[in-house]
Amino acid sequence: MQIKFDTQKKEAEIKFLNQETKIRDLKIKEQASLLTKKNYQITAFLVLMIGLFVIAYFWKKSQNLKNILASEKIIKETEEHERIRIAKDIHDDLGSGLSKINFLSELISQKTDHLPEIQNNSEAVKETSKKMIENMRDLIWALNPDNTTIANLLARIREYSTDYLEDYPIEIQNSFPENPPQTNITKESHRELFMVVKESLNNIVKHSKATKVNFTANINSKFLELSIKDDGIGFQTETIKNGNGLRNMQTRLHTIDGVFKIVSENSKGTEINVSVPLEKIIK
């Protein structure tokens, strides 16, 4: 009887211990679950805070960029308005003065036929004032931001070349694109290309003894190309390759990554070819 009682007692103790073990295991699992849940919450909170920080950072950066762009836009608009104002002032003030000088020198020249020295001086003054008026018009045209496009550049080149050679016994034939793009180009490229054209035409008038000039402009997907060919006396390119005029044109084109090539022979005329990559001149 005693043995049976002891056995039951031990079984009861074992059962109790097993229950305690299960309860302890459940508590451990519950604590682990709570800890895991807490870790998840902390991780989620940290991710949320990092996300908010990143959003705030990029929002601030975006606002700063917007402010910078807005400031640049204001500066650009102010510069454009100022260029237009300066161009108007030059036209109104300097233009009228130069026109008056030109008129007076013409009047003096007409009334001094019997005084060759004075007449020669007045003719020199008249020619100088005409050149200054021409340069002033070029400057005014370049100051206008609306003119710095490929289409307007080619239109200006064609107009200038026709007007310039009109005073000389030289026939000009222009071949330009019918609908050139209205793509904006940099002021620098506009100025350098136009000055190269002016220098080329000036050399034709001064040195070539040409009677015909063919002026061609072409635009493809990568390049703006100009060709000026005359039927003049030509020259040996080796003899003047270091001349100031040619060197100036090469230098101007070099600043916009352009290529300058001149082909000429005695009695066979001269051809000037200019090629400029569009990616270097487009704004």
Protein backbone atom coordinates (compact mmCIF):
# COMPACT_ATOMS: atom_id res chain seq x y z
CA MET A 1 0.00 0.00 0.00
CA GLN A 2 2.77 2.36 0.95
CA ILE A 3 4.61 1.54 -2.26
CA LYS A 4 1.52 2.37 -4.33
CA PHE A 5 1.13 5.65 -2.53
CA ASP A 6 4.76 6.57 -3.09
CA THR A 7 4.45 5.72 -6.77
CA GLN A 8 1.37 7.91 -7.18
CA LYS A 9 3.09 10.69 -5.32
CA LYS A 10 6.11 10.56 -7.63
CA GLU A 11 3.89 10.51 -10.70
CA ALA A 12 2.05 13.53 -9.37
CA GLU A 13 5.33 15.32 -8.76
CA ILE A 14 6.56 14.45 -12.24
CA LYS A 15 3.28 15.66 -13.74
CA PHE A 16 3.55 18.87 -11.76
CA LEU A 17 7.10 19.40 -12.89
CA ASN A 18 6.10 18.78 -16.49
CA GLN A 19 3.31 21.32 -16.18
CA GLU A 20 5.71 23.84 -14.69
CA THR A 21 8.13 23.17 -17.52
CA LYS A 22 5.38 23.71 -20.10
CA ILE A 23 4.28 26.90 -18.35
CA ARG A 24 7.87 28.14 -18.27
CA ASP A 25 8.31 27.26 -21.96
CA LEU A 26 5.09 29.10 -22.80
CA LYS A 27 6.28 32.14 -20.88
CA ILE A 28 9.64 32.01 -22.66
CA LYS A 29 7.88 31.76 -26.05
CA GLU A 30 5.55 34.58 -25.09
CA GLN A 31 8.46 36.75 -24.01
CA ALA A 32 10.33 35.88 -27.22
CA SER A 33 7.22 36.73 -29.24
CA LEU A 34 6.85 40.04 -27.41
CA LEU A 35 10.54 40.77 -27.94
CA THR A 36 10.28 39.92 -31.65
CA LYS A 37 7.18 42.09 -31.95
CA LYS A 38 8.98 44.90 -30.17
CA ASN A 39 11.99 44.52 -32.46
CA TYR A 40 9.68 44.66 -35.49
CA GLN A 41 8.07 47.80 -34.12
CA ILE A 42 11.46 49.40 -33.49
CA THR A 43 12.66 48.40 -36.97
CA ALA A 44 9.47 49.72 -38.58
CA PHE A 45 9.85 52.97 -36.64
CA LEU A 46 13.48 53.33 -37.72
CA VAL A 47 12.58 52.57 -41.36
CA LEU A 48 9.78 55.14 -41.17
CA MET A 49 12.10 57.76 -39.68
CA ILE A 50 14.79 57.06 -42.27
CA GLY A 51 12.15 57.23 -45.03
CA LEU A 52 10.85 60.54 -43.71
CA PHE A 53 14.41 61.86 -43.48
CA VAL A 54 15.16 60.81 -47.06
CA ILE A 55 11.89 62.36 -48.29
CA ALA A 56 12.62 65.56 -46.37
CA TYR A 57 16.19 65.66 -47.74
CA PHE A 58 15.14 65.27 -51.36
CA TRP A 59 12.22 67.67 -50.91
CA LYS A 60 14.61 70.26 -49.52
CA LYS A 61 17.05 69.58 -52.34
CA SER A 62 14.22 69.90 -54.88
CA GLN A 63 13.13 73.21 -53.35
CA ASN A 64 16.70 74.50 -53.45
CA LEU A 65 16.98 73.47 -57.11
CA LYS A 66 13.68 75.19 -57.89
CA ASN A 67 14.92 78.33 -56.17
CA ILE A 68 18.20 78.20 -58.09
CA LEU A 69 16.38 77.69 -61.41
CA ALA A 70 13.98 80.51 -60.57
CA SER A 71 16.91 82.80 -59.75
CA GLU A 72 18.71 81.83 -62.95
CA LYS A 73 15.54 82.48 -64.94
CA ILE A 74 15.18 85.92 -63.37
CA ILE A 75 18.85 86.68 -64.06
CA LYS A 76 18.52 85.49 -67.67
CA GLU A 77 15.37 87.56 -68.24
CA THR A 78 17.06 90.59 -66.68
CA GLU A 79 20.11 90.13 -68.91
CA GLU A 80 17.91 89.83 -72.00
CA HIS A 81 15.95 92.96 -71.10
CA GLU A 82 19.21 94.79 -70.47
CA ARG A 83 20.65 93.70 -73.84
CA ILE A 84 17.51 94.91 -75.60
CA ARG A 85 17.70 98.24 -73.74
CA ILE A 86 21.39 98.68 -74.62
CA ALA A 87 20.68 97.83 -78.26
CA LYS A 88 17.92 100.44 -78.35
CA ASP A 89 20.16 103.08 -76.76
CA ILE A 90 22.95 102.32 -79.23
CA HIS A 91 20.55 102.58 -82.14
CA ASP A 92 18.93 105.81 -80.94
CA ASP A 93 22.04 107.67 -79.77
CA LEU A 94 25.08 106.35 -81.61
CA GLY A 95 23.15 105.47 -84.77
CA SER A 96 21.77 108.95 -85.29
CA GLY A 97 25.19 110.49 -84.66
CA LEU A 98 26.93 108.24 -87.17
CA SER A 99 24.24 108.88 -89.77
CA LYS A 100 24.74 112.62 -89.32
CA ILE A 101 28.52 112.25 -89.72
CA ASN A 102 27.99 110.24 -92.88
CA PHE A 103 25.60 112.86 -94.27
CA LEU A 104 27.91 115.78 -93.45
CA SER A 105 30.97 114.05 -94.94
CA GLU A 106 28.99 113.41 -98.13
CA LEU A 107 27.97 117.07 -98.21
CA ILE A 108 31.58 118.22 -97.71
CA SER A 109 32.77 115.86 -100.44
CA GLN A 110 30.27 117.31 -102.92
CA LYS A 111 31.33 120.89 -102.18
CA THR A 112 35.09 120.38 -102.29
CA ASP A 113 35.71 119.12 -105.82
CA HIS A 114 38.38 121.80 -106.19
CA LEU A 115 40.11 120.76 -102.95
CA PRO A 116 41.35 117.18 -103.46
CA GLU A 117 42.96 116.82 -100.03
CA ILE A 118 39.81 117.85 -98.17
CA GLN A 119 37.69 115.72 -100.46
CA ASN A 120 39.88 112.67 -99.82
CA ASN A 121 39.65 113.22 -96.08
CA SER A 122 35.88 113.59 -96.21
CA GLU A 123 35.63 110.39 -98.25
CA ALA A 124 37.71 108.60 -95.62
CA VAL A 125 35.42 109.93 -92.88
CA LYS A 126 32.37 108.80 -94.85
CA GLU A 127 33.74 105.29 -95.36
CA THR A 128 34.70 105.03 -91.70
CA SER A 129 31.24 106.14 -90.57
CA LYS A 130 29.61 103.65 -92.97
CA LYS A 131 31.69 100.83 -91.51
CA MET A 132 30.83 101.94 -87.98
CA ILE A 133 27.13 102.01 -88.86
CA GLU A 134 27.45 98.53 -90.30
CA ASN A 135 29.26 97.25 -87.21
CA MET A 136 26.69 98.93 -84.99
CA ARG A 137 23.87 97.15 -86.81
CA ASP A 138 25.66 93.83 -86.37
CA LEU A 139 26.10 94.54 -82.66
CA ILE A 140 22.45 95.50 -82.21
CA TRP A 141 21.36 92.41 -84.08
CA ALA A 142 23.58 90.17 -81.93
CA LEU A 143 22.37 91.76 -78.68
CA ASN A 144 18.79 90.74 -79.38
CA PRO A 145 18.29 87.29 -77.76
CA ASP A 146 15.56 86.44 -80.28
CA ASN A 147 18.17 86.43 -83.06
CA THR A 148 20.43 83.73 -81.62
CA THR A 149 18.92 80.83 -83.57
CA ILE A 150 20.24 78.86 -86.52
CA ALA A 151 17.46 80.17 -88.77
CA ASN A 152 18.11 83.81 -87.88
CA LEU A 153 21.87 83.39 -88.18
CA LEU A 154 21.56 82.02 -91.72
CA ALA A 155 19.04 84.72 -92.63
CA ARG A 156 21.42 87.39 -91.36
CA ILE A 157 24.39 85.85 -93.21
CA ARG A 158 22.46 85.75 -96.47
CA GLU A 159 21.21 89.31 -96.05
CA TYR A 160 24.65 90.61 -95.15
CA SER A 161 26.49 88.85 -97.99
CA THR A 162 23.99 90.09 -100.57
CA ASP A 163 24.06 93.68 -99.29
CA TYR A 164 27.84 93.72 -98.90
CA LEU A 165 28.65 92.55 -102.43
CA GLU A 166 25.96 94.76 -103.94
CA ASP A 167 28.41 97.68 -103.98
CA TYR A 168 30.95 95.70 -106.04
CA PRO A 169 30.92 94.14 -109.53
CA ILE A 170 30.53 90.69 -108.00
CA GLU A 171 27.53 88.44 -108.60
CA ILE A 172 26.50 86.28 -105.66
CA GLN A 173 24.46 83.10 -105.73
CA ASN A 174 23.11 81.86 -102.41
CA SER A 175 22.01 78.30 -101.72
CA PHE A 176 20.53 78.08 -98.24
CA PRO A 177 18.04 75.66 -96.59
CA GLU A 178 14.42 76.71 -97.16
CA ASN A 179 13.30 75.97 -93.60
CA PRO A 180 16.29 75.99 -91.26
CA PRO A 181 15.58 75.04 -87.62
CA GLN A 182 14.65 77.68 -85.06
CA THR A 183 17.09 76.06 -82.65
CA ASN A 184 18.75 78.38 -80.13
CA ILE A 185 22.52 78.64 -80.35
CA THR A 186 25.07 80.28 -78.09
CA LYS A 187 25.91 83.95 -78.56
CA GLU A 188 29.57 83.03 -78.91
CA SER A 189 29.00 80.62 -81.80
CA HIS A 190 26.72 83.13 -83.52
CA ARG A 191 29.34 85.86 -83.25
CA GLU A 192 32.28 83.71 -84.36
CA LEU A 193 30.49 82.26 -87.40
CA PHE A 194 29.24 85.65 -88.52
CA MET A 195 32.69 87.22 -88.15
CA VAL A 196 34.26 84.41 -90.22
CA VAL A 197 31.75 85.13 -92.99
CA LYS A 198 32.51 88.87 -92.85
CA GLU A 199 36.26 88.25 -93.02
CA SER A 200 35.84 85.85 -95.94
CA LEU A 201 33.77 88.33 -97.96
CA ASN A 202 36.18 91.14 -97.13
CA ASN A 203 39.09 89.05 -98.45
CA ILE A 204 37.18 88.32 -101.66
CA VAL A 205 36.58 92.02 -102.27
CA LYS A 206 40.14 93.08 -101.42
CA HIS A 207 42.21 90.33 -103.01
CA SER A 208 40.37 87.90 -105.27
CA LYS A 209 39.34 90.03 -108.29
CA ALA A 210 36.37 87.69 -108.49
CA THR A 211 33.21 88.32 -110.52
CA LYS A 212 31.11 85.51 -109.03
CA VAL A 213 30.64 84.06 -105.56
CA ASN A 214 28.71 80.92 -104.65
CA PHE A 215 27.60 80.84 -101.02
CA THR A 216 26.17 77.55 -99.74
CA ALA A 217 24.83 76.62 -96.31
CA ASN A 218 23.87 73.13 -95.27
CA ILE A 219 22.55 71.56 -92.05
CA ASN A 220 22.52 67.85 -91.33
CA SER A 221 21.97 65.85 -88.16
CA LYS A 222 25.43 66.64 -86.79
CA PHE A 223 26.95 69.69 -88.49
CA LEU A 224 26.31 73.21 -89.72
CA GLU A 225 28.36 73.68 -92.89
CA LEU A 226 29.18 76.83 -94.86
CA SER A 227 30.96 77.08 -98.20
CA ILE A 228 32.09 80.30 -99.92
CA LYS A 229 33.56 79.83 -103.39
CA ASP A 230 34.76 82.55 -105.78
CA ASP A 231 36.09 82.56 -109.35
CA GLY A 232 38.96 84.94 -108.58
CA ILE A 233 42.69 84.77 -109.18
CA GLY A 234 43.31 82.37 -106.32
CA PHE A 235 46.63 81.91 -104.55
CA GLN A 236 49.03 79.30 -103.26
CA THR A 237 47.76 78.46 -99.79
CA GLU A 238 51.27 77.59 -98.58
CA THR A 239 52.44 81.16 -99.11
CA ILE A 240 49.85 82.80 -96.84
CA LYS A 241 48.88 80.07 -94.40
CA ASN A 242 50.22 82.23 -91.58
CA GLY A 243 48.40 85.38 -92.67
CA ASN A 244 46.52 87.26 -89.96
CA GLY A 245 43.14 87.02 -91.68
CA LEU A 246 43.22 83.26 -92.12
CA ARG A 247 44.70 82.75 -88.67
CA ASN A 248 41.96 84.87 -87.12
CA MET A 249 39.26 82.80 -88.82
CA GLN A 250 40.89 79.57 -87.68
CA THR A 251 41.12 80.89 -84.12
CA ARG A 252 37.48 81.94 -84.10
CA LEU A 253 36.31 78.53 -85.27
CA HIS A 254 38.63 76.74 -82.88
CA THR A 255 36.79 78.32 -79.93
CA ILE A 256 33.58 76.53 -80.99
CA ASP A 257 35.30 73.30 -82.11
CA GLY A 258 34.77 74.19 -85.76
CA VAL A 259 36.86 73.11 -88.73
CA PHE A 260 38.22 75.64 -91.24
CA LYS A 261 39.50 74.52 -94.64
CA ILE A 262 40.65 76.63 -97.56
CA VAL A 263 41.30 75.35 -101.08
CA SER A 264 42.89 77.63 -103.68
CA GLU A 265 45.20 77.65 -106.67
CA ASN A 266 46.51 80.42 -108.86
CA SER A 267 43.92 81.41 -111.49
CA LYS A 268 41.43 78.82 -110.18
CA GLY A 269 39.60 80.74 -107.50
CA THR A 270 39.25 80.04 -103.79
CA GLU A 271 36.87 77.94 -101.72
CA ILE A 272 36.43 78.30 -97.97
CA ASN A 273 34.69 75.50 -96.09
CA VAL A 274 33.48 75.77 -92.51
CA SER A 275 32.05 72.91 -90.47
CA VAL A 276 30.78 73.24 -86.89
CA PRO A 277 29.31 70.42 -84.74
CA LEU A 278 25.75 71.29 -83.74
CA GLU A 279 26.19 69.85 -80.25
CA LYS A 280 28.85 72.48 -79.57
CA ILE A 281 26.78 75.51 -80.58
CA ILE A 282 23.24 74.59 -79.51
CA LYS A 283 22.20 75.95 -76.13
